[in-house]
Amino acid sequence: MLLLVGIGRVSAQPDVSQVSVSVERLKQHVYTLASEEFGGRQVGTPGQLLAANYCIRTFRQNHLTAPFRFDSTQASFRQAFAFTTTDVALFGPANGSYGSNLRATTKRSELVPLPQTAKDSSKVSFGFNVGGLLIGNELKTEIVVVSAHYDHLGKSGNRFYPGADDNASGTATVLEVAAIFDSLARQGVRSQRSVLFLLFSGEEVGLLGSLFFVYNSSIPLRQLKANINTDMIGRVDQLHRRTPDYCYLIRDDQSAPLQQIAEAANRQTSGLALNEGGYDTANDSEQFFYRSDQYNFAKLGIPALFFTSGQHTDYHQFSDTADKINYEALRKRATLIFQTAWRVANE
């Protein structure tokens, strides 16, 4: 577990408070991932594979290392998992919806051993987690995970679910934060801890990608010191429709020190209003903390902090499109996520 003591004392490092997040890159990633070409990015479909390959290309461009090892010589940016599905309502509050007037259905899914026997092959689909590792300095065996899920709901008939906010926005943020870490490293400014940028599939069918990762990773869990997860980070909810400079930080009790680091980073850099709306702990009525991938880290004792901009009426609808993202608000939230990740990777 990460020893988050002496929060005010940071190891010697350059001033990164002026690091710039690129709105242009964020917008490019969101529009690409939410495009018709990617067909809604449903786990187990060609659209998911297109999205995975796009993210891998971006990680390669950012000089990241393949983190998934199969033996002493083979490594990959992709981690495959197999699962079976049955059509049912999504588990969780309000049948998976965020708001009382929303309703979402999906598939109940279960992880299965990989590979499967031929008898079961017709029931099996495959998902792919995508990751890239930036190797740290003196504490390089300790790893901070910066994550989001990149899958969405796929298609219904002739229409596709774009999933711009859910969760192309979070995926774009992880890709952008990775680009910033890489840019700093190539300038000789490398974080003390290693940072694993991790994009999960199968979140929409039961957090399967993150569940598979925490139980099947070639990286020992004792090396994972914190998880910073981002899901639906690009919109403005009803409460903040006139004041879009805000973000929700959601955690469980063990992760309170992570929130303190994020709050300190926010005061020094982003200046967002934090946690106006009552979602700031695992005990809120919507149970947001248990409904995205950080939960699979937290339940194993790994401190985890969840960044989100909250609910809106386009959730799990065809109308969750790239043009509705507030890109300036997304830039400010991505800045906070970078600043938080940087501090966690260096304290």
Protein backbone atom coordinates (compact mmCIF):
# COMPACT_ATOMS: atom_id res chain seq x y z
CA MET A 1 0.00 0.00 0.00
CA LEU A 2 1.31 3.48 -0.83
CA LEU A 3 2.61 5.36 2.20
CA LEU A 4 1.07 8.76 1.62
CA VAL A 5 2.65 10.53 4.57
CA GLY A 6 4.02 14.03 4.64
CA ILE A 7 1.77 15.21 1.85
CA GLY A 8 3.29 18.66 1.95
CA ARG A 9 6.81 17.31 1.41
CA VAL A 10 7.59 16.48 -2.20
CA SER A 11 10.88 15.01 -3.39
CA ALA A 12 13.10 17.30 -5.43
CA GLN A 13 11.48 17.80 -8.82
CA PRO A 14 11.05 20.57 -11.38
CA ASP A 15 8.06 22.88 -11.41
CA VAL A 16 5.48 21.19 -13.62
CA SER A 17 2.61 23.47 -12.64
CA GLN A 18 2.71 25.18 -16.04
CA VAL A 19 2.48 22.00 -18.11
CA SER A 20 0.00 22.48 -20.95
CA VAL A 21 -2.76 20.01 -21.86
CA SER A 22 -3.64 19.99 -25.56
CA VAL A 23 -7.31 20.62 -26.34
CA GLU A 24 -6.57 19.69 -29.95
CA ARG A 25 -5.28 16.24 -29.02
CA LEU A 26 -8.15 15.64 -26.61
CA LYS A 27 -10.67 16.56 -29.29
CA GLN A 28 -8.94 14.39 -31.90
CA HIS A 29 -9.05 11.36 -29.61
CA VAL A 30 -12.70 11.85 -28.64
CA TYR A 31 -13.92 12.42 -32.20
CA THR A 32 -11.96 9.40 -33.45
CA LEU A 33 -13.09 6.99 -30.74
CA ALA A 34 -16.72 8.17 -30.92
CA SER A 35 -16.87 7.94 -34.72
CA GLU A 36 -19.06 5.59 -36.72
CA GLU A 37 -15.94 3.76 -37.92
CA PHE A 38 -15.43 2.43 -34.39
CA GLY A 39 -19.06 1.29 -34.20
CA GLY A 40 -19.65 1.94 -30.52
CA ARG A 41 -16.54 0.03 -29.32
CA GLN A 42 -18.46 -2.86 -27.79
CA VAL A 43 -16.26 -5.51 -26.19
CA GLY A 44 -15.84 -8.50 -28.47
CA THR A 45 -16.56 -6.61 -31.71
CA PRO A 46 -14.37 -5.35 -34.57
CA GLY A 47 -14.99 -1.80 -33.34
CA GLN A 48 -13.37 -2.62 -30.03
CA LEU A 49 -10.31 -4.00 -31.85
CA LEU A 50 -10.06 -0.83 -33.96
CA ALA A 51 -10.16 1.25 -30.78
CA ALA A 52 -7.56 -0.96 -29.11
CA ASN A 53 -5.21 -0.61 -32.07
CA TYR A 54 -5.70 3.18 -32.10
CA CYS A 55 -4.74 3.39 -28.43
CA ILE A 56 -1.74 1.11 -28.95
CA ARG A 57 -0.47 3.29 -31.81
CA THR A 58 -0.79 6.33 -29.57
CA PHE A 59 1.12 4.64 -26.75
CA ARG A 60 3.86 3.64 -29.20
CA GLN A 61 4.10 7.23 -30.45
CA ASN A 62 4.56 8.28 -26.83
CA HIS A 63 7.51 5.89 -26.43
CA LEU A 64 5.83 3.76 -23.78
CA THR A 65 6.92 0.20 -23.00
CA ALA A 66 4.70 -2.84 -23.53
CA PRO A 67 3.66 -3.88 -19.99
CA PHE A 68 2.05 -7.31 -20.45
CA ARG A 69 4.57 -10.16 -20.33
CA PHE A 70 3.90 -13.75 -21.32
CA ASP A 71 7.42 -15.03 -20.63
CA SER A 72 10.91 -13.61 -20.20
CA THR A 73 11.14 -12.59 -23.87
CA GLN A 74 7.62 -11.66 -25.05
CA ALA A 75 5.75 -8.48 -24.15
CA SER A 76 2.61 -6.85 -25.54
CA PHE A 77 0.58 -3.67 -25.32
CA ARG A 78 -2.55 -5.87 -25.33
CA GLN A 79 -3.93 -8.19 -22.65
CA ALA A 80 -6.65 -10.55 -23.91
CA PHE A 81 -9.42 -12.04 -21.81
CA ALA A 82 -12.31 -14.35 -22.68
CA PHE A 83 -15.87 -14.05 -21.42
CA THR A 84 -19.37 -15.41 -21.97
CA THR A 85 -22.52 -13.29 -22.15
CA THR A 86 -26.26 -13.55 -21.63
CA ASP A 87 -28.73 -10.77 -22.38
CA VAL A 88 -30.07 -9.24 -19.14
CA ALA A 89 -30.42 -5.87 -17.50
CA LEU A 90 -27.15 -4.40 -16.28
CA PHE A 91 -26.46 -5.04 -12.61
CA GLY A 92 -26.30 -2.13 -10.23
CA PRO A 93 -28.46 0.80 -9.13
CA ALA A 94 -31.40 1.72 -11.38
CA ASN A 95 -30.53 -1.10 -13.79
CA GLY A 96 -27.25 0.57 -14.58
CA SER A 97 -28.55 4.07 -15.22
CA TYR A 98 -27.24 7.19 -13.53
CA GLY A 99 -30.54 9.09 -13.40
CA SER A 100 -34.01 8.09 -12.29
CA ASN A 101 -35.42 8.58 -15.79
CA LEU A 102 -32.68 6.64 -17.58
CA ARG A 103 -32.62 2.95 -18.33
CA ALA A 104 -29.76 0.90 -19.68
CA THR A 105 -29.57 -2.73 -20.65
CA THR A 106 -26.54 -4.74 -21.58
CA LYS A 107 -25.19 -8.24 -21.18
CA ARG A 108 -24.38 -10.07 -17.99
CA SER A 109 -20.92 -11.45 -18.49
CA GLU A 110 -18.56 -13.84 -16.79
CA LEU A 111 -14.85 -14.31 -17.26
CA VAL A 112 -13.88 -17.77 -18.45
CA PRO A 113 -10.52 -19.56 -18.68
CA LEU A 114 -8.46 -18.78 -21.75
CA PRO A 115 -8.15 -20.69 -24.00
CA GLN A 116 -11.58 -22.34 -24.15
CA THR A 117 -12.38 -25.82 -25.38
CA ALA A 118 -13.81 -26.14 -28.87
CA LYS A 119 -17.17 -27.16 -27.39
CA ASP A 120 -17.56 -23.75 -25.74
CA SER A 121 -16.08 -21.60 -28.51
CA SER A 122 -19.45 -20.44 -29.88
CA LYS A 123 -20.28 -18.86 -26.49
CA VAL A 124 -17.00 -17.07 -25.97
CA SER A 125 -16.04 -13.49 -26.86
CA PHE A 126 -12.72 -11.78 -26.34
CA GLY A 127 -11.84 -8.43 -24.84
CA PHE A 128 -8.55 -6.57 -24.87
CA ASN A 129 -7.08 -4.36 -22.21
CA VAL A 130 -4.49 -1.94 -23.58
CA GLY A 131 -1.57 -0.59 -21.58
CA GLY A 132 1.65 1.36 -21.86
CA LEU A 133 4.34 1.69 -19.18
CA LEU A 134 6.53 4.70 -18.50
CA ILE A 135 9.46 3.45 -16.43
CA GLY A 136 10.35 5.61 -13.45
CA ASN A 137 13.61 6.45 -11.70
CA GLU A 138 14.62 5.52 -8.17
CA LEU A 139 11.23 4.00 -7.27
CA LYS A 140 10.63 2.38 -10.65
CA THR A 141 9.45 -0.92 -9.15
CA GLU A 142 6.51 0.96 -7.61
CA ILE A 143 3.72 1.61 -10.11
CA VAL A 144 0.93 4.18 -10.26
CA VAL A 145 -1.95 3.11 -12.54
CA VAL A 146 -3.72 5.84 -14.54
CA SER A 147 -6.77 4.25 -16.13
CA ALA A 148 -10.06 4.55 -18.01
CA HIS A 149 -12.29 2.14 -19.90
CA TYR A 150 -12.43 2.54 -23.67
CA ASP A 151 -15.32 0.18 -24.47
CA HIS A 152 -18.94 1.23 -24.93
CA LEU A 153 -22.29 -0.28 -26.00
CA GLY A 154 -21.75 -0.98 -29.70
CA LYS A 155 -24.74 -0.95 -32.04
CA SER A 156 -28.50 -1.36 -32.00
CA GLY A 157 -29.94 -2.12 -35.40
CA ASN A 158 -28.46 0.33 -37.90
CA ARG A 159 -27.42 2.84 -35.25
CA PHE A 160 -24.34 2.98 -33.05
CA TYR A 161 -23.74 4.37 -29.59
CA PRO A 162 -20.92 6.94 -29.88
CA GLY A 163 -19.99 6.93 -26.19
CA ALA A 164 -18.21 10.26 -26.44
CA ASP A 165 -18.42 11.02 -22.75
CA ASP A 166 -18.73 7.35 -21.73
CA ASN A 167 -15.87 6.92 -22.06
CA ALA A 168 -14.00 8.39 -25.02
CA SER A 169 -13.49 11.42 -22.77
CA GLY A 170 -11.69 9.38 -20.12
CA THR A 171 -9.70 7.45 -22.71
CA ALA A 172 -8.60 10.69 -24.36
CA THR A 173 -7.53 12.01 -20.97
CA VAL A 174 -5.34 8.96 -20.27
CA LEU A 175 -3.76 9.23 -23.73
CA GLU A 176 -3.06 12.93 -23.18
CA VAL A 177 -1.61 12.45 -19.70
CA ALA A 178 0.64 9.72 -21.12
CA ALA A 179 1.82 12.14 -23.82
CA ILE A 180 2.73 14.72 -21.17
CA PHE A 181 4.65 12.22 -19.04
CA ASP A 182 6.53 11.11 -22.17
CA SER A 183 7.33 14.69 -23.19
CA LEU A 184 8.74 15.43 -19.73
CA ALA A 185 10.76 12.20 -19.72
CA ARG A 186 12.34 13.05 -23.08
CA GLN A 187 13.34 16.41 -21.58
CA GLY A 188 15.10 14.58 -18.76
CA VAL A 189 12.27 14.98 -16.24
CA ARG A 190 11.12 11.49 -15.29
CA SER A 191 8.82 10.53 -12.41
CA GLN A 192 10.28 8.59 -9.49
CA ARG A 193 7.66 5.84 -9.70
CA SER A 194 6.71 4.08 -12.89
CA VAL A 195 3.32 4.93 -14.37
CA LEU A 196 1.13 2.34 -16.08
CA PHE A 197 -1.39 3.93 -18.45
CA LEU A 198 -4.14 1.34 -18.65
CA LEU A 199 -7.28 1.26 -20.81
CA PHE A 200 -9.84 -1.39 -19.95
CA SER A 201 -12.40 -3.15 -22.08
CA GLY A 202 -15.45 -4.92 -20.70
CA GLU A 203 -16.37 -2.20 -18.20
CA GLU A 204 -19.85 -1.92 -19.66
CA VAL A 205 -20.54 -5.63 -19.07
CA GLY A 206 -19.42 -5.81 -15.45
CA LEU A 207 -15.95 -4.25 -15.00
CA LEU A 208 -14.48 -7.37 -16.62
CA GLY A 209 -11.26 -5.89 -17.99
CA SER A 210 -10.13 -4.44 -14.69
CA LEU A 211 -11.24 -7.59 -12.86
CA PHE A 212 -9.13 -9.72 -15.19
CA PHE A 213 -6.15 -7.38 -14.85
CA VAL A 214 -5.97 -7.36 -11.06
CA TYR A 215 -6.13 -11.16 -10.88
CA ASN A 216 -4.06 -12.05 -13.96
CA SER A 217 -1.47 -9.34 -14.43
CA SER A 218 2.18 -10.28 -14.85
CA ILE A 219 2.86 -7.25 -12.62
CA PRO A 220 2.72 -8.28 -8.93
CA LEU A 221 -0.09 -6.50 -7.09
CA ARG A 222 2.32 -5.42 -4.35
CA GLN A 223 3.96 -3.12 -6.91
CA LEU A 224 0.69 -1.28 -7.64
CA LYS A 225 0.68 1.67 -5.24
CA ALA A 226 -2.35 3.66 -6.43
CA ASN A 227 -5.05 3.82 -9.10
CA ILE A 228 -6.28 7.07 -10.64
CA ASN A 229 -9.35 6.25 -12.73
CA THR A 230 -11.31 8.48 -15.10
CA ASP A 231 -14.83 7.80 -16.38
CA MET A 232 -17.22 10.30 -18.00
CA ILE A 233 -15.11 13.42 -17.56
CA GLY A 234 -16.19 15.62 -20.48
CA ARG A 235 -19.67 16.98 -19.80
CA VAL A 236 -21.41 19.42 -17.45
CA ASP A 237 -24.16 18.11 -15.19
CA GLN A 238 -27.38 19.91 -14.30
CA LEU A 239 -26.04 21.22 -11.00
CA HIS A 240 -23.13 22.98 -12.72
CA ARG A 241 -24.75 24.08 -15.98
CA ARG A 242 -23.71 27.70 -15.32
CA THR A 243 -20.41 26.91 -13.59
CA PRO A 244 -18.64 24.21 -15.62
CA ASP A 245 -15.27 24.47 -13.88
CA TYR A 246 -15.75 21.57 -11.47
CA CYS A 247 -14.92 17.90 -10.96
CA TYR A 248 -16.05 15.10 -8.68
CA LEU A 249 -13.40 13.08 -6.82
CA ILE A 250 -14.85 9.83 -5.48
CA ARG A 251 -13.03 7.48 -3.12
CA ASP A 252 -13.32 4.99 -0.28
CA ASP A 253 -11.91 5.55 3.21
CA GLN A 254 -8.48 4.05 2.54
CA SER A 255 -7.97 6.47 -0.35
CA ALA A 256 -8.48 9.74 1.54
CA PRO A 257 -4.75 10.63 1.22
CA LEU A 258 -5.06 10.45 -2.58
CA GLN A 259 -7.89 12.96 -2.46
CA GLN A 260 -5.75 15.25 -0.31
CA ILE A 261 -3.02 15.14 -2.94
CA ALA A 262 -5.57 15.93 -5.68
CA GLU A 263 -7.00 18.82 -3.66
CA ALA A 264 -3.53 20.28 -3.10
CA ALA A 265 -2.77 19.96 -6.82
CA ASN A 266 -6.06 21.65 -7.65
CA ARG A 267 -5.35 24.60 -5.36
CA GLN A 268 -1.96 25.12 -6.99
CA THR A 269 -2.94 24.63 -10.63
CA SER A 270 -6.47 23.96 -11.89
CA GLY A 271 -8.71 25.86 -9.47
CA LEU A 272 -11.76 23.69 -10.08
CA ALA A 273 -14.69 23.42 -7.69
CA LEU A 274 -14.46 19.92 -6.25
CA ASN A 275 -17.20 17.62 -4.97
CA GLU A 276 -20.18 19.96 -5.04
CA GLY A 277 -22.95 17.40 -5.29
CA GLY A 278 -22.29 14.80 -2.64
CA TYR A 279 -20.56 12.05 -4.62
CA ASP A 280 -17.22 12.33 -2.83
CA THR A 281 -17.17 8.99 -0.94
CA ALA A 282 -18.10 5.38 -1.55
CA ASN A 283 -21.23 5.91 0.55
CA ASP A 284 -23.14 8.25 -1.79
CA SER A 285 -26.64 7.18 -2.80
CA GLU A 286 -25.71 6.58 -6.46
CA GLN A 287 -22.85 4.24 -5.45
CA PHE A 288 -20.65 5.65 -8.22
CA PHE A 289 -17.48 4.33 -6.58
CA TYR A 290 -18.55 0.72 -7.12
CA ARG A 291 -19.57 1.25 -10.76
CA SER A 292 -16.29 1.89 -12.50
CA ASP A 293 -12.94 0.16 -12.68
CA GLN A 294 -11.32 1.70 -9.61
CA TYR A 295 -13.47 -0.60 -7.48
CA ASN A 296 -11.49 -3.69 -8.51
CA PHE A 297 -8.31 -2.03 -7.24
CA ALA A 298 -9.82 -0.71 -4.03
CA LYS A 299 -11.32 -4.03 -2.98
CA LEU A 300 -7.79 -5.49 -3.00
CA GLY A 301 -6.47 -2.72 -0.76
CA ILE A 302 -4.95 -0.52 -3.49
CA PRO A 303 -5.79 3.17 -2.89
CA ALA A 304 -7.99 4.44 -5.74
CA LEU A 305 -9.41 7.81 -6.73
CA PHE A 306 -12.18 8.24 -9.31
CA PHE A 307 -12.48 11.44 -11.40
CA THR A 308 -15.80 12.19 -13.14
CA SER A 309 -17.99 15.10 -14.23
CA GLY A 310 -21.13 13.19 -13.28
CA GLN A 311 -24.42 12.27 -14.86
CA HIS A 312 -26.40 13.66 -17.80
CA THR A 313 -29.39 12.64 -19.89
CA ASP A 314 -27.28 11.40 -22.83
CA TYR A 315 -25.82 8.56 -20.73
CA HIS A 316 -26.07 5.29 -22.70
CA GLN A 317 -28.01 7.04 -25.46
CA PHE A 318 -27.34 7.52 -29.18
CA SER A 319 -27.03 11.23 -28.33
CA ASP A 320 -23.74 10.90 -26.38
CA THR A 321 -21.83 12.53 -29.24
CA ALA A 322 -18.44 14.21 -29.55
CA ASP A 323 -19.86 17.66 -30.30
CA LYS A 324 -21.48 17.78 -26.84
CA ILE A 325 -18.21 17.50 -24.94
CA ASN A 326 -17.12 20.70 -23.18
CA TYR A 327 -13.50 20.59 -24.32
CA GLU A 328 -12.32 23.51 -22.23
CA ALA A 329 -13.73 21.87 -19.10
CA LEU A 330 -12.18 18.58 -20.21
CA ARG A 331 -8.81 20.31 -20.58
CA LYS A 332 -8.97 21.67 -17.04
CA ARG A 333 -9.97 18.30 -15.60
CA ALA A 334 -7.24 16.54 -17.58
CA THR A 335 -4.79 19.08 -16.16
CA LEU A 336 -5.90 18.19 -12.63
CA ILE A 337 -5.58 14.48 -13.37
CA PHE A 338 -2.06 14.96 -14.72
CA GLN A 339 -1.04 17.10 -11.76
CA THR A 340 -2.45 14.53 -9.34
CA ALA A 341 -0.77 11.61 -11.11
CA TRP A 342 2.54 13.48 -11.19
CA ARG A 343 2.45 14.13 -7.47
CA VAL A 344 1.47 10.57 -6.61
CA ALA A 345 4.28 9.29 -8.82
CA ASN A 346 6.83 11.50 -7.06
CA GLU A 347 5.85 11.78 -3.38
